[in-house]
């Protein structure tokens, strides 16, 4: 079970680091609280984690848009940063696939 939920946990921890870097300590606490929800064996916890991961993927795309436009305006290279952030957004979105497995559904008591 831990291996199936590891991508989701890592994605949430990376989001927490992102918010820590920008100084949003309350959002760091929220990201850590969502990681803790991976240990709550209730359907609402699974739905909360799924919602958080979906919002996280959108946050990475928002960050990509902001940083790429700033770099373009400054004439700085932005292709590598774009590829990295698209990869992070995709990895976050793919971590949602774990919730389709039978083992994870049983863990969270989903029907």
Protein backbone atom coordinates (compact mmCIF):
# COMPACT_ATOMS: atom_id res chain seq x y z
CA UNK A 1 0.00 0.00 0.00
CA UNK A 2 2.79 2.39 0.86
CA UNK A 3 4.33 2.05 -2.60
CA UNK A 4 1.00 2.78 -4.29
CA UNK A 5 0.52 5.98 -2.28
CA UNK A 6 4.18 7.06 -2.37
CA UNK A 7 3.82 9.16 -5.56
CA UNK A 8 0.93 11.09 -4.01
CA UNK A 9 2.87 11.65 -0.78
CA UNK A 10 5.96 12.81 -2.67
CA UNK A 11 3.90 15.14 -4.85
CA UNK A 12 2.36 16.72 -1.75
CA UNK A 13 5.75 17.09 -0.08
CA UNK A 14 7.14 18.80 -3.19
CA UNK A 15 4.17 21.15 -3.10
CA UNK A 16 4.93 21.88 0.54
CA UNK A 17 8.52 22.71 -0.40
CA UNK A 18 7.24 24.97 -3.17
CA UNK A 19 5.06 26.87 -0.71
CA UNK A 20 7.89 27.00 1.84
CA UNK A 21 10.15 28.58 -0.77
CA UNK A 22 7.54 31.28 -1.43
CA UNK A 23 6.95 31.87 2.29
CA UNK A 24 3.37 30.58 2.49
CA UNK A 25 3.65 28.71 5.79
CA UNK A 26 -0.09 28.13 6.14
CA UNK A 27 -0.11 26.35 2.77
CA UNK A 28 2.89 24.27 3.86
CA UNK A 29 0.82 23.14 6.86
CA UNK A 30 -2.12 22.30 4.58
CA UNK A 31 0.11 20.22 2.29
CA UNK A 32 1.47 18.31 5.30
CA UNK A 33 -2.06 17.78 6.64
CA UNK A 34 -3.10 16.29 3.31
CA UNK A 35 -0.13 13.90 3.51
CA UNK A 36 -1.43 12.83 6.92
CA UNK A 37 -4.82 12.10 5.33
CA UNK A 38 -3.19 9.26 3.41
CA UNK A 39 -3.25 7.37 6.72
CA UNK A 40 -6.96 8.01 7.37
CA UNK A 41 -8.92 5.02 6.12
CA UNK A 42 -12.12 6.82 5.21
CA UNK A 43 -13.68 7.68 1.85
CA UNK A 44 -13.74 11.41 2.61
CA UNK A 45 -9.97 11.35 3.19
CA UNK A 46 -9.40 9.78 -0.24
CA UNK A 47 -11.59 12.40 -1.88
CA UNK A 48 -9.77 15.20 -0.04
CA UNK A 49 -6.39 13.88 -1.19
CA UNK A 50 -7.63 13.51 -4.76
CA UNK A 51 -8.96 17.07 -4.75
CA UNK A 52 -5.71 18.37 -3.33
CA UNK A 53 -3.68 16.55 -5.97
CA UNK A 54 -5.87 17.94 -8.76
CA UNK A 55 -5.47 21.47 -7.37
CA UNK A 56 -1.75 20.86 -7.03
CA UNK A 57 -1.41 19.99 -10.72
CA UNK A 58 -3.22 23.24 -11.54
CA UNK A 59 -0.89 25.13 -9.19
CA UNK A 60 2.12 23.83 -11.09
CA UNK A 61 0.59 24.99 -14.37
CA UNK A 62 -0.16 28.40 -12.84
CA UNK A 63 3.41 28.65 -11.59
CA UNK A 64 4.67 27.66 -15.03
CA UNK A 65 2.62 30.40 -16.67
CA UNK A 66 3.84 33.07 -14.26
CA UNK A 67 7.51 32.13 -14.35
CA UNK A 68 7.64 31.56 -18.11
CA UNK A 69 6.08 34.94 -18.84
CA UNK A 70 8.53 36.68 -16.49
CA UNK A 71 11.51 34.90 -18.05
CA UNK A 72 10.33 35.61 -21.58
CA UNK A 73 9.86 39.28 -20.76
CA UNK A 74 13.36 39.43 -19.30
CA UNK A 75 14.84 37.61 -22.29
CA UNK A 76 16.00 34.75 -20.07
CA UNK A 77 15.89 31.10 -21.16
CA UNK A 78 12.73 29.34 -20.10
CA UNK A 79 12.50 26.05 -22.04
CA UNK A 80 14.18 23.85 -19.41
CA UNK A 81 12.07 25.36 -16.62
CA UNK A 82 8.95 24.79 -18.73
CA UNK A 83 9.80 21.14 -19.29
CA UNK A 84 10.51 20.59 -15.60
CA UNK A 85 7.27 22.18 -14.43
CA UNK A 86 5.21 20.35 -17.05
CA UNK A 87 6.84 17.12 -15.85
CA UNK A 88 6.00 17.93 -12.23
CA UNK A 89 2.39 18.75 -13.15
CA UNK A 90 2.07 15.50 -15.10
CA UNK A 91 3.66 13.43 -12.32
CA UNK A 92 1.21 14.98 -9.87
CA UNK A 93 -1.73 14.23 -12.13
CA UNK A 94 -0.54 10.65 -12.69
CA UNK A 95 -0.31 10.12 -8.93
CA UNK A 96 -4.12 10.25 -8.98
CA UNK A 97 -4.15 6.95 -10.86
CA UNK A 98 -3.25 5.10 -7.66
CA UNK A 99 -6.77 5.80 -6.43
CA UNK A 100 -8.15 3.58 -9.20
CA UNK A 101 -6.42 0.47 -7.85
CA UNK A 102 -8.38 -2.08 -5.86
CA UNK A 103 -5.89 -2.02 -2.98
CA UNK A 104 -6.16 1.73 -2.52
CA UNK A 105 -9.95 1.58 -2.80
CA UNK A 106 -9.99 -1.05 -0.06
CA UNK A 107 -7.57 1.01 2.05
CA UNK A 108 -9.89 4.02 1.95
CA UNK A 109 -13.04 1.86 1.99
CA UNK A 110 -14.23 3.26 -1.33
CA UNK A 111 -16.96 1.46 -3.27
